[in-house]
Amino acid sequence: MDRVEEIKSAIASLPPDDYRRLADWFRALDHTRWDGQMDPDSAAGKLGLLFREAERESKHGLVRGWPPSE
């Protein structure tokens, strides 16, 4: 069995509280890695097209606030 399969098996056997803690940690790690990928692109101006599109759509009332108001 390779390492990934061992990890998957171990995760599948975790009690619910431990699984939830691991899932929370993994989500936080994923967000940190995503930010690490996006920050250099943003600093290099590669996201300008997306910002301009959002501004255009906002002017036309096509953008909703986040989080949604209750």
C-alpha atoms as a PDB file:
ATOM      1  CA  MET A   1       0.000   0.000   0.000  1.00  0.00           C
ATOM      2  CA  ASP A   2       1.462   3.395  -0.909  1.00  0.00           C
ATOM      3  CA  ARG A   3       1.644   6.361   1.426  1.00  0.00           C
ATOM      4  CA  VAL A   4      -1.465   8.128   0.097  1.00  0.00           C
ATOM      5  CA  GLU A   5      -3.551   4.976   0.483  1.00  0.00           C
ATOM      6  CA  GLU A   6      -2.288   4.591   4.069  1.00  0.00           C
ATOM      7  CA  ILE A   7      -3.246   8.194   4.848  1.00  0.00           C
ATOM      8  CA  LYS A   8      -6.680   7.752   3.254  1.00  0.00           C
ATOM      9  CA  SER A   9      -7.271   4.617   5.298  1.00  0.00           C
ATOM     10  CA  ALA A  10      -6.187   6.338   8.505  1.00  0.00           C
ATOM     11  CA  ILE A  11      -8.477   9.311   7.793  1.00  0.00           C
ATOM     12  CA  ALA A  12     -11.431   7.022   7.066  1.00  0.00           C
ATOM     13  CA  SER A  13     -11.016   5.389  10.480  1.00  0.00           C
ATOM     14  CA  LEU A  14     -10.859   8.623  12.505  1.00  0.00           C
ATOM     15  CA  PRO A  15     -13.522   9.320  15.129  1.00  0.00           C
ATOM     16  CA  PRO A  16     -15.885  12.155  14.080  1.00  0.00           C
ATOM     17  CA  ASP A  17     -14.267  14.842  16.258  1.00  0.00           C
ATOM     18  CA  ASP A  18     -10.769  14.046  14.991  1.00  0.00           C
ATOM     19  CA  TYR A  19     -12.029  13.915  11.400  1.00  0.00           C
ATOM     20  CA  ARG A  20     -13.631  17.356  11.820  1.00  0.00           C
ATOM     21  CA  ARG A  21     -10.388  18.787  13.270  1.00  0.00           C
ATOM     22  CA  LEU A  22      -8.407  17.354  10.357  1.00  0.00           C
ATOM     23  CA  ALA A  23     -10.934  18.662   7.819  1.00  0.00           C
ATOM     24  CA  ASP A  24     -10.735  22.146   9.363  1.00  0.00           C
ATOM     25  CA  TRP A  25      -6.936  22.038   9.248  1.00  0.00           C
ATOM     26  CA  PHE A  26      -6.951  20.843   5.637  1.00  0.00           C
ATOM     27  CA  ARG A  27      -9.349  23.625   4.576  1.00  0.00           C
ATOM     28  CA  ALA A  28      -7.128  26.228   6.259  1.00  0.00           C
ATOM     29  CA  LEU A  29      -4.049  24.788   4.537  1.00  0.00           C
ATOM     30  CA  ASP A  30      -5.856  24.785   1.188  1.00  0.00           C
ATOM     31  CA  HIS A  31      -6.863  28.442   1.630  1.00  0.00           C
ATOM     32  CA  THR A  32      -3.293  29.383   2.569  1.00  0.00           C
ATOM     33  CA  ARG A  33      -1.918  27.659  -0.534  1.00  0.00           C
ATOM     34  CA  TRP A  34      -4.580  29.297  -2.723  1.00  0.00           C
ATOM     35  CA  ASP A  35      -3.676  32.721  -1.331  1.00  0.00           C
ATOM     36  CA  GLY A  36      -0.013  31.937  -1.997  1.00  0.00           C
ATOM     37  CA  GLN A  37      -0.862  31.282  -5.636  1.00  0.00           C
ATOM     38  CA  MET A  38      -3.148  34.297  -6.057  1.00  0.00           C
ATOM     39  CA  ASP A  39      -0.998  36.953  -4.353  1.00  0.00           C
ATOM     40  CA  PRO A  40       1.820  36.926  -6.950  1.00  0.00           C
ATOM     41  CA  ASP A  41      -0.719  37.002  -9.809  1.00  0.00           C
ATOM     42  CA  SER A  42      -2.522  39.917  -8.213  1.00  0.00           C
ATOM     43  CA  ALA A  43       0.731  41.816  -7.603  1.00  0.00           C
ATOM     44  CA  ALA A  44       1.714  41.237 -11.251  1.00  0.00           C
ATOM     45  CA  GLY A  45      -1.592  42.716 -12.446  1.00  0.00           C
ATOM     46  CA  LYS A  46      -2.779  39.420 -13.929  1.00  0.00           C
ATOM     47  CA  LEU A  47      -6.190  39.765 -12.256  1.00  0.00           C
ATOM     48  CA  GLY A  48      -6.967  43.213 -13.667  1.00  0.00           C
ATOM     49  CA  LEU A  49      -9.383  41.789 -16.218  1.00  0.00           C
ATOM     50  CA  LEU A  50     -11.446  40.189 -13.449  1.00  0.00           C
ATOM     51  CA  PHE A  51     -11.525  43.413 -11.425  1.00  0.00           C
ATOM     52  CA  ARG A  52     -12.636  45.431 -14.450  1.00  0.00           C
ATOM     53  CA  GLU A  53     -15.356  42.898 -15.223  1.00  0.00           C
ATOM     54  CA  ALA A  54     -16.598  43.029 -11.614  1.00  0.00           C
ATOM     55  CA  GLU A  55     -16.654  46.836 -11.693  1.00  0.00           C
ATOM     56  CA  ARG A  56     -18.693  46.806 -14.939  1.00  0.00           C
ATOM     57  CA  GLU A  57     -21.157  44.306 -13.540  1.00  0.00           C
ATOM     58  CA  SER A  58     -21.429  46.235 -10.283  1.00  0.00           C
ATOM     59  CA  LYS A  59     -22.341  49.408 -12.194  1.00  0.00           C
ATOM     60  CA  HIS A  60     -25.178  47.480 -13.839  1.00  0.00           C
ATOM     61  CA  GLY A  61     -26.459  46.067 -10.550  1.00  0.00           C
ATOM     62  CA  LEU A  62     -25.398  42.521 -11.364  1.00  0.00           C
ATOM     63  CA  VAL A  63     -23.201  41.983  -8.284  1.00  0.00           C
ATOM     64  CA  ARG A  64     -24.631  40.835  -4.974  1.00  0.00           C
ATOM     65  CA  GLY A  65     -22.976  41.553  -1.652  1.00  0.00           C
ATOM     66  CA  TRP A  66     -21.174  38.836   0.240  1.00  0.00           C
ATOM     67  CA  PRO A  67     -22.046  37.451   2.628  1.00  0.00           C
ATOM     68  CA  PRO A  68     -25.691  37.697   1.652  1.00  0.00           C
ATOM     69  CA  SER A  69     -27.741  39.799   4.013  1.00  0.00           C
ATOM     70  CA  GLU A  70     -30.388  37.917   5.927  1.00  0.00           C
END
